[in-house]
């Protein structure tokens, strides 16, 4: 989950790879506006 610049709720798909305690890679591969149902379910607004 994330929030856009205009305060819209986003669904974000990502991978997380911790190479060691000081190096982490996060890869975002998909992001979309949350549906009205998802927004209600997670307490956000559509």
N, C-alpha and C. Protein backbone atom coordinates (compact mmCIF):
# COMPACT_ATOMS: atom_id res chain seq x y z
N UNK A 1 0.83 -1.17 0.00
CA UNK A 1 0.00 0.00 0.00
C UNK A 1 0.88 1.24 0.00
N UNK A 2 0.35 2.25 -0.60
CA UNK A 2 1.06 3.52 -0.65
C UNK A 2 0.07 4.65 -0.84
N UNK A 3 0.58 5.86 -0.79
CA UNK A 3 -0.26 7.04 -0.99
C UNK A 3 0.39 7.91 -2.06
N UNK A 4 -0.42 8.35 -3.02
CA UNK A 4 0.07 9.19 -4.11
C UNK A 4 0.24 10.64 -3.63
N UNK A 5 0.80 11.48 -4.49
CA UNK A 5 1.00 12.90 -4.16
C UNK A 5 -0.31 13.59 -3.82
N UNK A 6 -1.39 13.18 -4.49
CA UNK A 6 -2.69 13.81 -4.24
C UNK A 6 -3.52 13.04 -3.21
N UNK A 7 -2.85 12.27 -2.37
CA UNK A 7 -3.44 11.54 -1.24
C UNK A 7 -4.31 10.36 -1.65
N UNK A 8 -4.14 9.85 -2.88
CA UNK A 8 -4.89 8.68 -3.31
C UNK A 8 -4.23 7.40 -2.81
N UNK A 9 -5.03 6.40 -2.51
CA UNK A 9 -4.52 5.12 -2.01
C UNK A 9 -4.05 4.26 -3.19
N UNK A 10 -2.84 3.69 -3.08
CA UNK A 10 -2.26 2.87 -4.14
C UNK A 10 -1.99 1.45 -3.65
N UNK A 11 -2.11 0.51 -4.56
CA UNK A 11 -1.71 -0.88 -4.31
C UNK A 11 -0.38 -1.06 -5.03
N UNK A 12 0.65 -1.46 -4.30
CA UNK A 12 2.00 -1.56 -4.85
C UNK A 12 2.51 -2.99 -4.69
N UNK A 13 3.03 -3.57 -5.78
CA UNK A 13 3.65 -4.90 -5.75
C UNK A 13 5.16 -4.69 -5.86
N UNK A 14 5.90 -5.33 -4.96
CA UNK A 14 7.35 -5.12 -4.95
C UNK A 14 8.08 -6.37 -4.48
N UNK A 15 9.37 -6.38 -4.74
CA UNK A 15 10.26 -7.41 -4.19
C UNK A 15 11.24 -6.71 -3.27
N UNK A 16 11.75 -7.46 -2.33
CA UNK A 16 12.66 -6.94 -1.32
C UNK A 16 13.83 -7.92 -1.22
N UNK A 17 15.04 -7.43 -1.43
CA UNK A 17 16.22 -8.29 -1.37
C UNK A 17 17.25 -7.66 -0.45
N UNK A 18 17.50 -8.30 0.68
CA UNK A 18 18.49 -7.81 1.64
C UNK A 18 19.80 -8.55 1.39
N UNK A 19 20.77 -7.85 0.80
CA UNK A 19 22.05 -8.46 0.47
C UNK A 19 22.91 -8.65 1.72
N UNK A 20 22.86 -7.67 2.61
CA UNK A 20 23.52 -7.76 3.91
C UNK A 20 22.86 -6.74 4.82
N UNK A 21 23.39 -6.53 6.02
CA UNK A 21 22.73 -5.63 6.97
C UNK A 21 22.75 -4.16 6.54
N UNK A 22 23.56 -3.82 5.54
CA UNK A 22 23.65 -2.43 5.10
C UNK A 22 23.17 -2.19 3.67
N UNK A 23 22.86 -3.24 2.94
CA UNK A 23 22.48 -3.09 1.52
C UNK A 23 21.18 -3.82 1.23
N UNK A 24 20.18 -3.04 0.83
CA UNK A 24 18.86 -3.58 0.53
C UNK A 24 18.42 -3.05 -0.83
N UNK A 25 17.79 -3.92 -1.64
CA UNK A 25 17.24 -3.51 -2.92
C UNK A 25 15.74 -3.74 -2.89
N UNK A 26 14.97 -2.69 -3.23
CA UNK A 26 13.52 -2.80 -3.35
C UNK A 26 13.17 -2.51 -4.80
N UNK A 27 12.46 -3.45 -5.43
CA UNK A 27 12.07 -3.30 -6.84
C UNK A 27 10.56 -3.22 -6.92
N UNK A 28 10.03 -2.08 -7.36
CA UNK A 28 8.59 -1.92 -7.56
C UNK A 28 8.28 -2.33 -8.99
N UNK A 29 7.39 -3.33 -9.15
CA UNK A 29 7.09 -3.80 -10.50
C UNK A 29 5.64 -3.58 -10.90
N UNK A 30 4.82 -3.10 -9.99
CA UNK A 30 3.44 -2.80 -10.35
C UNK A 30 2.85 -1.83 -9.32
N UNK A 31 2.06 -0.89 -9.81
CA UNK A 31 1.39 0.07 -8.93
C UNK A 31 0.10 0.50 -9.61
N UNK A 32 -0.98 0.52 -8.84
CA UNK A 32 -2.26 0.94 -9.40
C UNK A 32 -3.10 1.61 -8.33
N UNK A 33 -4.08 2.36 -8.77
CA UNK A 33 -5.01 3.01 -7.86
C UNK A 33 -5.86 1.92 -7.18
N UNK A 34 -6.06 2.04 -5.89
CA UNK A 34 -6.88 1.07 -5.17
C UNK A 34 -8.33 1.18 -5.62
N UNK A 35 -9.01 0.03 -5.66
CA UNK A 35 -10.44 0.05 -5.97
C UNK A 35 -11.19 0.64 -4.78
N UNK A 36 -12.43 1.01 -4.99
CA UNK A 36 -13.24 1.56 -3.91
C UNK A 36 -13.33 0.56 -2.76
N UNK A 37 -13.51 -0.71 -3.08
CA UNK A 37 -13.61 -1.75 -2.04
C UNK A 37 -12.31 -1.87 -1.25
N UNK A 38 -11.17 -1.85 -1.94
CA UNK A 38 -9.86 -1.92 -1.25
C UNK A 38 -9.66 -0.71 -0.35
N UNK A 39 -10.04 0.46 -0.83
CA UNK A 39 -9.88 1.68 -0.05
C UNK A 39 -10.71 1.61 1.24
N UNK A 40 -11.92 1.12 1.12
CA UNK A 40 -12.78 0.98 2.31
C UNK A 40 -12.19 -0.06 3.26
N UNK A 41 -11.74 -1.18 2.71
CA UNK A 41 -11.20 -2.27 3.51
C UNK A 41 -9.97 -1.83 4.31
N UNK A 42 -9.14 -0.99 3.73
CA UNK A 42 -7.90 -0.57 4.39
C UNK A 42 -8.03 0.79 5.06
N UNK A 43 -9.22 1.32 5.14
CA UNK A 43 -9.46 2.56 5.86
C UNK A 43 -9.09 3.83 5.12
N UNK A 44 -8.82 3.72 3.84
CA UNK A 44 -8.51 4.90 3.04
C UNK A 44 -9.77 5.46 2.40
N UNK A 45 -9.59 6.47 1.60
CA UNK A 45 -10.71 7.06 0.87
C UNK A 45 -10.46 6.99 -0.61
N UNK A 46 -11.48 6.83 -1.38
CA UNK A 46 -11.37 6.75 -2.84
C UNK A 46 -11.80 8.04 -3.45
